[in-house]
Amino acid sequence: MNKKELIIATAAQTDFQKKDVELAVDAVFEQITNALVKGDEVNIPSFGKFSVKEKAARTARNPQSGETVEVPAKKAPAFKFAKAVKDAVNSK
């Protein structure tokens, strides 16, 4: 399912206009992104938790040349599904 399909399905389920659902979906994604940029976690009970993980600097190897490369430290967004979602996926 992509974003457009999500909007259409949500509009059909809720009887809201597609444009209103699209605005809501965009606003939710923007708020999640803004929270992660600030370093906050976004916890949605029974769905999951968005967070930012720190990746340490490391030395890697270029597989083509064999040359070592320094990879700088960085932050990476992460998501962990709630137990309810995992159980729902495994029950079907």
PDB file of N, CA and C in Angstrom:
ATOM      1  N   MET A   1       0.855  -1.173   0.000  1.00  0.00           N
ATOM      2  CA  MET A   1       0.000   0.000   0.000  1.00  0.00           C
ATOM      3  C   MET A   1       0.901   1.236   0.000  1.00  0.00           C
ATOM      4  N   ASN A   2       0.589   2.165  -0.881  1.00  0.00           N
ATOM      5  CA  ASN A   2       1.338   3.413  -0.891  1.00  0.00           C
ATOM      6  C   ASN A   2       0.479   4.519  -0.261  1.00  0.00           C
ATOM      7  N   LYS A   3       1.011   5.731  -0.253  1.00  0.00           N
ATOM      8  CA  LYS A   3       0.321   6.842   0.413  1.00  0.00           C
ATOM      9  C   LYS A   3      -1.047   7.108  -0.214  1.00  0.00           C
ATOM     10  N   LYS A   4      -1.121   7.098  -1.531  1.00  0.00           N
ATOM     11  CA  LYS A   4      -2.382   7.359  -2.220  1.00  0.00           C
ATOM     12  C   LYS A   4      -3.426   6.300  -1.860  1.00  0.00           C
ATOM     13  N   GLU A   5      -3.027   5.047  -1.852  1.00  0.00           N
ATOM     14  CA  GLU A   5      -3.945   3.964  -1.491  1.00  0.00           C
ATOM     15  C   GLU A   5      -4.387   4.083  -0.036  1.00  0.00           C
ATOM     16  N   LEU A   6      -3.484   4.496   0.843  1.00  0.00           N
ATOM     17  CA  LEU A   6      -3.823   4.708   2.252  1.00  0.00           C
ATOM     18  C   LEU A   6      -4.882   5.801   2.386  1.00  0.00           C
ATOM     19  N   ILE A   7      -4.710   6.881   1.658  1.00  0.00           N
ATOM     20  CA  ILE A   7      -5.662   7.990   1.715  1.00  0.00           C
ATOM     21  C   ILE A   7      -7.031   7.549   1.196  1.00  0.00           C
ATOM     22  N   ILE A   8      -7.060   6.835   0.092  1.00  0.00           N
ATOM     23  CA  ILE A   8      -8.327   6.373  -0.481  1.00  0.00           C
ATOM     24  C   ILE A   8      -9.035   5.419   0.479  1.00  0.00           C
ATOM     25  N   ALA A   9      -8.291   4.462   1.053  1.00  0.00           N
ATOM     26  CA  ALA A   9      -8.889   3.492   1.979  1.00  0.00           C
ATOM     27  C   ALA A   9      -9.405   4.170   3.240  1.00  0.00           C
ATOM     28  N   THR A  10      -8.647   5.126   3.767  1.00  0.00           N
ATOM     29  CA  THR A  10      -9.070   5.836   4.974  1.00  0.00           C
ATOM     30  C   THR A  10     -10.293   6.695   4.699  1.00  0.00           C
ATOM     31  N   ALA A  11     -10.328   7.355   3.553  1.00  0.00           N
ATOM     32  CA  ALA A  11     -11.488   8.169   3.191  1.00  0.00           C
ATOM     33  C   ALA A  11     -12.730   7.294   3.065  1.00  0.00           C
ATOM     34  N   ALA A  12     -12.597   6.132   2.472  1.00  0.00           N
ATOM     35  CA  ALA A  12     -13.737   5.226   2.315  1.00  0.00           C
ATOM     36  C   ALA A  12     -14.230   4.714   3.663  1.00  0.00           C
ATOM     37  N   GLN A  13     -13.309   4.434   4.567  1.00  0.00           N
ATOM     38  CA  GLN A  13     -13.671   3.898   5.881  1.00  0.00           C
ATOM     39  C   GLN A  13     -14.314   4.953   6.772  1.00  0.00           C
ATOM     40  N   THR A  14     -13.910   6.198   6.622  1.00  0.00           N
ATOM     41  CA  THR A  14     -14.355   7.255   7.538  1.00  0.00           C
ATOM     42  C   THR A  14     -15.404   8.192   6.958  1.00  0.00           C
ATOM     43  N   ASP A  15     -15.679   8.104   5.673  1.00  0.00           N
ATOM     44  CA  ASP A  15     -16.590   9.028   4.989  1.00  0.00           C
ATOM     45  C   ASP A  15     -16.092  10.463   4.985  1.00  0.00           C
ATOM     46  N   PHE A  16     -14.783  10.674   5.178  1.00  0.00           N
ATOM     47  CA  PHE A  16     -14.192  12.001   5.031  1.00  0.00           C
ATOM     48  C   PHE A  16     -13.801  12.182   3.569  1.00  0.00           C
ATOM     49  N   GLN A  17     -13.648  13.428   3.161  1.00  0.00           N
ATOM     50  CA  GLN A  17     -13.190  13.719   1.808  1.00  0.00           C
ATOM     51  C   GLN A  17     -11.715  13.322   1.679  1.00  0.00           C
ATOM     52  N   LYS A  18     -11.333  12.849   0.491  1.00  0.00           N
ATOM     53  CA  LYS A  18      -9.939  12.443   0.269  1.00  0.00           C
ATOM     54  C   LYS A  18      -8.974  13.599   0.536  1.00  0.00           C
ATOM     55  N   LYS A  19      -9.334  14.811   0.156  1.00  0.00           N
ATOM     56  CA  LYS A  19      -8.434  15.959   0.369  1.00  0.00           C
ATOM     57  C   LYS A  19      -8.222  16.211   1.858  1.00  0.00           C
ATOM     58  N   ASP A  20      -9.269  15.996   2.676  1.00  0.00           N
ATOM     59  CA  ASP A  20      -9.141  16.185   4.116  1.00  0.00           C
ATOM     60  C   ASP A  20      -8.266  15.092   4.737  1.00  0.00           C
ATOM     61  N   VAL A  21      -8.444  13.874   4.267  1.00  0.00           N
ATOM     62  CA  VAL A  21      -7.619  12.766   4.764  1.00  0.00           C
ATOM     63  C   VAL A  21      -6.164  12.988   4.369  1.00  0.00           C
ATOM     64  N   GLU A  22      -5.937  13.468   3.143  1.00  0.00           N
ATOM     65  CA  GLU A  22      -4.559  13.736   2.696  1.00  0.00           C
ATOM     66  C   GLU A  22      -3.902  14.802   3.567  1.00  0.00           C
ATOM     67  N   LEU A  23      -4.640  15.858   3.906  1.00  0.00           N
ATOM     68  CA  LEU A  23      -4.099  16.895   4.786  1.00  0.00           C
ATOM     69  C   LEU A  23      -3.748  16.317   6.152  1.00  0.00           C
ATOM     70  N   ALA A  24      -4.616  15.456   6.676  1.00  0.00           N
ATOM     71  CA  ALA A  24      -4.367  14.847   7.983  1.00  0.00           C
ATOM     72  C   ALA A  24      -3.148  13.932   7.939  1.00  0.00           C
ATOM     73  N   VAL A  25      -3.049  13.106   6.902  1.00  0.00           N
ATOM     74  CA  VAL A  25      -1.905  12.186   6.776  1.00  0.00           C
ATOM     75  C   VAL A  25      -0.611  12.982   6.648  1.00  0.00           C
ATOM     76  N   ASP A  26      -0.620  14.004   5.816  1.00  0.00           N
ATOM     77  CA  ASP A  26       0.575  14.846   5.659  1.00  0.00           C
ATOM     78  C   ASP A  26       0.960  15.504   6.983  1.00  0.00           C
ATOM     79  N   ALA A  27      -0.038  15.979   7.727  1.00  0.00           N
ATOM     80  CA  ALA A  27       0.237  16.629   9.016  1.00  0.00           C
ATOM     81  C   ALA A  27       0.832  15.645  10.015  1.00  0.00           C
ATOM     82  N   VAL A  28       0.320  14.423  10.042  1.00  0.00           N
ATOM     83  CA  VAL A  28       0.851  13.406  10.956  1.00  0.00           C
ATOM     84  C   VAL A  28       2.309  13.098  10.612  1.00  0.00           C
ATOM     85  N   PHE A  29       2.587  12.874   9.337  1.00  0.00           N
ATOM     86  CA  PHE A  29       3.966  12.580   8.923  1.00  0.00           C
ATOM     87  C   PHE A  29       4.902  13.740   9.246  1.00  0.00           C
ATOM     88  N   GLU A  30       4.422  14.965   9.038  1.00  0.00           N
ATOM     89  CA  GLU A  30       5.246  16.139   9.326  1.00  0.00           C
ATOM     90  C   GLU A  30       5.545  16.245  10.823  1.00  0.00           C
ATOM     91  N   GLN A  31       4.559  15.980  11.660  1.00  0.00           N
ATOM     92  CA  GLN A  31       4.765  16.056  13.108  1.00  0.00           C
ATOM     93  C   GLN A  31       5.723  14.964  13.587  1.00  0.00           C
ATOM     94  N   ILE A  32       5.612  13.771  13.020  1.00  0.00           N
ATOM     95  CA  ILE A  32       6.549  12.695  13.378  1.00  0.00           C
ATOM     96  C   ILE A  32       7.965  13.100  12.984  1.00  0.00           C
ATOM     97  N   THR A  33       8.121  13.625  11.777  1.00  0.00           N
ATOM     98  CA  THR A  33       9.440  14.060  11.310  1.00  0.00           C
ATOM     99  C   THR A  33      10.000  15.166  12.192  1.00  0.00           C
ATOM    100  N   ASN A  34       9.174  16.156  12.526  1.00  0.00           N
ATOM    101  CA  ASN A  34       9.633  17.264  13.379  1.00  0.00           C
ATOM    102  C   ASN A  34      10.081  16.762  14.744  1.00  0.00           C
ATOM    103  N   ALA A  35       9.353  15.819  15.317  1.00  0.00           N
ATOM    104  CA  ALA A  35       9.732  15.271  16.619  1.00  0.00           C
ATOM    105  C   ALA A  35      11.066  14.536  16.525  1.00  0.00           C
ATOM    106  N   LEU A  36      11.274  13.768  15.471  1.00  0.00           N
ATOM    107  CA  LEU A  36      12.531  13.037  15.305  1.00  0.00           C
ATOM    108  C   LEU A  36      13.698  13.987  15.089  1.00  0.00           C
ATOM    109  N   VAL A  37      13.476  15.062  14.353  1.00  0.00           N
ATOM    110  CA  VAL A  37      14.532  16.063  14.139  1.00  0.00           C
ATOM    111  C   VAL A  37      14.972  16.658  15.472  1.00  0.00           C
ATOM    112  N   LYS A  38      14.020  16.860  16.382  1.00  0.00           N
ATOM    113  CA  LYS A  38      14.338  17.401  17.710  1.00  0.00           C
ATOM    114  C   LYS A  38      14.957  16.344  18.623  1.00  0.00           C
ATOM    115  N   GLY A  39      14.965  15.088  18.192  1.00  0.00           N
ATOM    116  CA  GLY A  39      15.532  14.023  19.010  1.00  0.00           C
ATOM    117  C   GLY A  39      14.515  13.348  19.906  1.00  0.00           C
ATOM    118  N   ASP A  40      13.241  13.684  19.741  1.00  0.00           N
ATOM    119  CA  ASP A  40      12.185  13.074  20.550  1.00  0.00           C
ATOM    120  C   ASP A  40      11.751  11.736  19.955  1.00  0.00           C
ATOM    121  N   GLU A  41      11.122  10.921  20.793  1.00  0.00           N
ATOM    122  CA  GLU A  41      10.506   9.685  20.330  1.00  0.00           C
ATOM    123  C   GLU A  41       9.025   9.942  20.101  1.00  0.00           C
ATOM    124  N   VAL A  42       8.426   9.194  19.188  1.00  0.00           N
ATOM    125  CA  VAL A  42       6.985   9.259  18.961  1.00  0.00           C
ATOM    126  C   VAL A  42       6.454   7.858  19.227  1.00  0.00           C
ATOM    127  N   ASN A  43       5.692   7.729  20.307  1.00  0.00           N
ATOM    128  CA  ASN A  43       5.157   6.435  20.707  1.00  0.00           C
ATOM    129  C   ASN A  43       3.659   6.414  20.449  1.00  0.00           C
ATOM    130  N   ILE A  44       3.220   5.511  19.588  1.00  0.00           N
ATOM    131  CA  ILE A  44       1.807   5.359  19.278  1.00  0.00           C
ATOM    132  C   ILE A  44       1.381   4.005  19.844  1.00  0.00           C
ATOM    133  N   PRO A  45       0.691   4.002  20.990  1.00  0.00           N
ATOM    134  CA  PRO A  45       0.317   2.741  21.628  1.00  0.00           C
ATOM    135  C   PRO A  45      -0.436   1.822  20.668  1.00  0.00           C
ATOM    136  N   SER A  46      -0.150   0.567  20.760  1.00  0.00           N
ATOM    137  CA  SER A  46      -0.701  -0.521  19.947  1.00  0.00           C
ATOM    138  C   SER A  46      -0.305  -0.434  18.470  1.00  0.00           C
ATOM    139  N   PHE A  47       0.600   0.487  18.115  1.00  0.00           N
ATOM    140  CA  PHE A  47       1.131   0.531  16.752  1.00  0.00           C
ATOM    141  C   PHE A  47       2.646   0.428  16.737  1.00  0.00           C
ATOM    142  N   GLY A  48       3.333   1.342  17.443  1.00  0.00           N
ATOM    143  CA  GLY A  48       4.783   1.267  17.466  1.00  0.00           C
ATOM    144  C   GLY A  48       5.427   2.551  17.938  1.00  0.00           C
ATOM    145  N   LYS A  49       6.764   2.564  17.844  1.00  0.00           N
ATOM    146  CA  LYS A  49       7.537   3.698  18.350  1.00  0.00           C
ATOM    147  C   LYS A  49       8.566   4.125  17.313  1.00  0.00           C
ATOM    148  N   PHE A  50       8.536   5.419  16.969  1.00  0.00           N
ATOM    149  CA  PHE A  50       9.544   6.030  16.117  1.00  0.00           C
ATOM    150  C   PHE A  50      10.615   6.617  17.027  1.00  0.00           C
ATOM    151  N   SER A  51      11.886   6.446  16.659  1.00  0.00           N
ATOM    152  CA  SER A  51      12.973   6.999  17.456  1.00  0.00           C
ATOM    153  C   SER A  51      14.158   7.310  16.546  1.00  0.00           C
ATOM    154  N   VAL A  52      15.171   7.930  17.138  1.00  0.00           N
ATOM    155  CA  VAL A  52      16.410   8.224  16.416  1.00  0.00           C
ATOM    156  C   VAL A  52      17.529   7.448  17.099  1.00  0.00           C
ATOM    157  N   LYS A  53      18.292   6.706  16.312  1.00  0.00           N
ATOM    158  CA  LYS A  53      19.411   5.936  16.840  1.00  0.00           C
ATOM    159  C   LYS A  53      20.716   6.578  16.397  1.00  0.00           C
ATOM    160  N   GLU A  54      21.662   6.578  17.315  1.00  0.00           N
ATOM    161  CA  GLU A  54      22.999   7.101  17.022  1.00  0.00           C
ATOM    162  C   GLU A  54      23.846   5.981  16.426  1.00  0.00           C
ATOM    163  N   LYS A  55      24.438   6.226  15.270  1.00  0.00           N
ATOM    164  CA  LYS A  55      25.344   5.276  14.640  1.00  0.00           C
ATOM    165  C   LYS A  55      26.767   5.796  14.839  1.00  0.00           C
ATOM    166  N   ALA A  56      27.603   5.003  15.452  1.00  0.00           N
ATOM    167  CA  ALA A  56      28.977   5.417  15.735  1.00  0.00           C
ATOM    168  C   ALA A  56      29.816   5.454  14.455  1.00  0.00           C
ATOM    169  N   ALA A  57      30.853   6.260  14.481  1.00  0.00           N
ATOM    170  CA  ALA A  57      31.798   6.298  13.367  1.00  0.00           C
ATOM    171  C   ALA A  57      32.480   4.934  13.280  1.00  0.00           C
ATOM    172  N   ARG A  58      32.822   4.540  12.060  1.00  0.00           N
ATOM    173  CA  ARG A  58      33.445   3.238  11.893  1.00  0.00           C
ATOM    174  C   ARG A  58      34.324   3.229  10.654  1.00  0.00           C
ATOM    175  N   THR A  59      35.112   2.187  10.546  1.00  0.00           N
ATOM    176  CA  THR A  59      35.941   1.991   9.366  1.00  0.00           C
ATOM    177  C   THR A  59      35.305   0.878   8.545  1.00  0.00           C
ATOM    178  N   ALA A  60      35.087   1.153   7.262  1.00  0.00           N
ATOM    179  CA  ALA A  60      34.493   0.166   6.365  1.00  0.00           C
ATOM    180  C   ALA A  60      35.474  -0.120   5.244  1.00  0.00           C
ATOM    181  N   ARG A  61      35.132  -1.114   4.423  1.00  0.00           N
ATOM    182  CA  ARG A  61      36.009  -1.481   3.311  1.00  0.00           C
ATOM    183  C   ARG A  61      35.214  -1.411   2.023  1.00  0.00           C
ATOM    184  N   ASN A  62      35.785  -0.750   1.016  1.00  0.00           N
ATOM    185  CA  ASN A  62      35.178  -0.708  -0.304  1.00  0.00           C
ATOM    186  C   ASN A  62      35.339  -2.091  -0.936  1.00  0.00           C
ATOM    187  N   PRO A  63      34.234  -2.785  -1.243  1.00  0.00           N
ATOM    188  CA  PRO A  63      34.351  -4.149  -1.756  1.00  0.00           C
ATOM    189  C   PRO A  63      34.983  -4.233  -3.142  1.00  0.00           C
ATOM    190  N   GLN A  64      34.916  -3.170  -3.936  1.00  0.00           N
ATOM    191  CA  GLN A  64      35.515  -3.207  -5.272  1.00  0.00           C
ATOM    192  C   GLN A  64      37.022  -3.035  -5.242  1.00  0.00           C
ATOM    193  N   SER A  65      37.481  -2.071  -4.422  1.00  0.00           N
ATOM    194  CA  SER A  65      38.912  -1.774  -4.418  1.00  0.00           C
ATOM    195  C   SER A  65      39.642  -2.353  -3.210  1.00  0.00           C
ATOM    196  N   GLY A  66      38.909  -2.729  -2.178  1.00  0.00           N
ATOM    197  CA  GLY A  66      39.540  -3.223  -0.969  1.00  0.00           C
ATOM    198  C   GLY A  66      40.061  -2.106  -0.083  1.00  0.00           C
ATOM    199  N   GLU A  67      39.901  -0.877  -0.515  1.00  0.00           N
ATOM    200  CA  GLU A  67      40.380   0.292   0.222  1.00  0.00           C
ATOM    201  C   GLU A  67      39.512   0.524   1.463  1.00  0.00           C
ATOM    202  N   THR A  68      40.148   0.910   2.570  1.00  0.00           N
ATOM    203  CA  THR A  68      39.381   1.223   3.777  1.00  0.00           C
ATOM    204  C   THR A  68      38.852   2.652   3.683  1.00  0.00           C
ATOM    205  N   VAL A  69      37.663   2.835   4.232  1.00  0.00           N
ATOM    206  CA  VAL A  69      36.982   4.120   4.171  1.00  0.00           C
ATOM    207  C   VAL A  69      36.462   4.447   5.559  1.00  0.00           C
ATOM    208  N   GLU A  70      36.640   5.702   5.977  1.00  0.00           N
ATOM    209  CA  GLU A  70      36.094   6.139   7.255  1.00  0.00           C
ATOM    210  C   GLU A  70      34.638   6.568   7.056  1.00  0.00           C
ATOM    211  N   VAL A  71      33.734   5.946   7.810  1.00  0.00           N
ATOM    212  CA  VAL A  71      32.318   6.306   7.760  1.00  0.00           C
ATOM    213  C   VAL A  71      32.032   7.155   8.991  1.00  0.00           C
ATOM    214  N   PRO A  72      31.575   8.396   8.807  1.00  0.00           N
ATOM    215  CA  PRO A  72      31.354   9.272   9.960  1.00  0.00           C
ATOM    216  C   PRO A  72      30.143   8.846  10.792  1.00  0.00           C
ATOM    217  N   ALA A  73      30.096   9.302  12.021  1.00  0.00           N
ATOM    218  CA  ALA A  73      28.944   9.042  12.893  1.00  0.00           C
ATOM    219  C   ALA A  73      27.725   9.732  12.298  1.00  0.00           C
ATOM    220  N   LYS A  74      26.554   9.141  12.542  1.00  0.00           N
ATOM    221  CA  LYS A  74      25.328   9.760  12.038  1.00  0.00           C
ATOM    222  C   LYS A  74      24.142   9.329  12.884  1.00  0.00           C
ATOM    223  N   LYS A  75      23.032  10.001  12.662  1.00  0.00           N
ATOM    224  CA  LYS A  75      21.779   9.640  13.311  1.00  0.00           C
ATOM    225  C   LYS A  75      20.901   8.977  12.266  1.00  0.00           C
ATOM    226  N   ALA A  76      20.154   7.957  12.674  1.00  0.00           N
ATOM    227  CA  ALA A  76      19.286   7.250  11.747  1.00  0.00           C
ATOM    228  C   ALA A  76      17.910   7.060  12.370  1.00  0.00           C
ATOM    229  N   PRO A  77      16.846   7.348  11.613  1.00  0.00           N
ATOM    230  CA  PRO A  77      15.511   7.103  12.142  1.00  0.00           C
ATOM    231  C   PRO A  77      15.264   5.602  12.262  1.00  0.00           C
ATOM    232  N   ALA A  78      14.477   5.220  13.266  1.00  0.00           N
ATOM    233  CA  ALA A  78      14.181   3.808  13.491  1.00  0.00           C
ATOM    234  C   ALA A  78      12.706   3.667  13.872  1.00  0.00           C
ATOM    235  N   PHE A  79      12.167   2.487  13.638  1.00  0.00           N
ATOM    236  CA  PHE A  79      10.788   2.210  14.019  1.00  0.00           C
ATOM    237  C   PHE A  79      10.716   0.803  14.579  1.00  0.00           C
ATOM    238  N   LYS A  80      10.007   0.661  15.692  1.00  0.00           N
ATOM    239  CA  LYS A  80       9.798  -0.653  16.292  1.00  0.00           C
ATOM    240  C   LYS A  80       8.295  -0.868  16.432  1.00  0.00           C
ATOM    241  N   PHE A  81       7.796  -1.929  15.804  1.00  0.00           N
ATOM    242  CA  PHE A  81       6.374  -2.229  15.879  1.00  0.00           C
ATOM    243  C   PHE A  81       5.978  -2.696  17.264  1.00  0.00           C
ATOM    244  N   ALA A  82       4.762  -2.364  17.655  1.00  0.00           N
ATOM    245  CA  ALA A  82       4.208  -2.801  18.935  1.00  0.00           C
ATOM    246  C   ALA A  82       3.853  -4.286  18.850  1.00  0.00           C
ATOM    247  N   LYS A  83       3.761  -4.903  20.011  1.00  0.00           N
ATOM    248  CA  LYS A  83       3.426  -6.322  20.082  1.00  0.00           C
ATOM    249  C   LYS A  83       2.088  -6.617  19.407  1.00  0.00           C
ATOM    250  N   ALA A  84       1.118  -5.725  19.539  1.00  0.00           N
ATOM    251  CA  ALA A  84      -0.201  -5.935  18.936  1.00  0.00           C
ATOM    252  C   ALA A  84      -0.106  -6.065  17.418  1.00  0.00           C
ATOM    253  N   VAL A  85       0.742  -5.266  16.788  1.00  0.00           N
ATOM    254  CA  VAL A  85       0.899  -5.341  15.327  1.00  0.00           C
ATOM    255  C   VAL A  85       1.604  -6.638  14.959  1.00  0.00           C
ATOM    256  N   LYS A  86       2.649  -6.979  15.684  1.00  0.00           N
ATOM    257  CA  LYS A  86       3.363  -8.227  15.411  1.00  0.00           C
ATOM    258  C   LYS A  86       2.436  -9.427  15.560  1.00  0.00           C
ATOM    259  N   ASP A  87       1.620  -9.427  16.605  1.00  0.00           N
ATOM    260  CA  ASP A  87       0.682 -10.537  16.814  1.00  0.00           C
ATOM    261  C   ASP A  87      -0.353 -10.589  15.698  1.00  0.00           C
ATOM    262  N   ALA A  88      -0.851  -9.430  15.252  1.00  0.00           N
ATOM    263  CA  ALA A  88      -1.844  -9.390  14.173  1.00  0.00           C
ATOM    264  C   ALA A  88      -1.270  -9.951  12.877  1.00  0.00           C
ATOM    265  N   VAL A  89      -0.040  -9.607  12.571  1.00  0.00           N
ATOM    266  CA  VAL A  89       0.608 -10.084  11.356  1.00  0.00           C
ATOM    267  C   VAL A  89       0.811 -11.599  11.424  1.00  0.00           C
ATOM    268  N   ASN A  90       1.201 -12.103  12.578  1.00  0.00           N
ATOM    269  CA  ASN A  90       1.479 -13.523  12.718  1.00  0.00           C
ATOM    270  C   ASN A  90       0.238 -14.390  12.879  1.00  0.00           C
ATOM    271  N   SER A  91      -0.919 -13.775  13.145  1.00  0.00           N
ATOM    272  CA  SER A  91      -2.126 -14.562  13.358  1.00  0.00           C
ATOM    273  C   SER A  91      -2.842 -14.879  12.056  1.00  0.00           C
ATOM    274  N   LYS A  92      -2.426 -14.261  10.958  1.00  0.00           N
ATOM    275  CA  LYS A  92      -3.118 -14.480   9.679  1.00  0.00           C
ATOM    276  C   LYS A  92      -2.274 -15.170   8.674  1.00  0.00           C
TER     277      LYS A  92
END
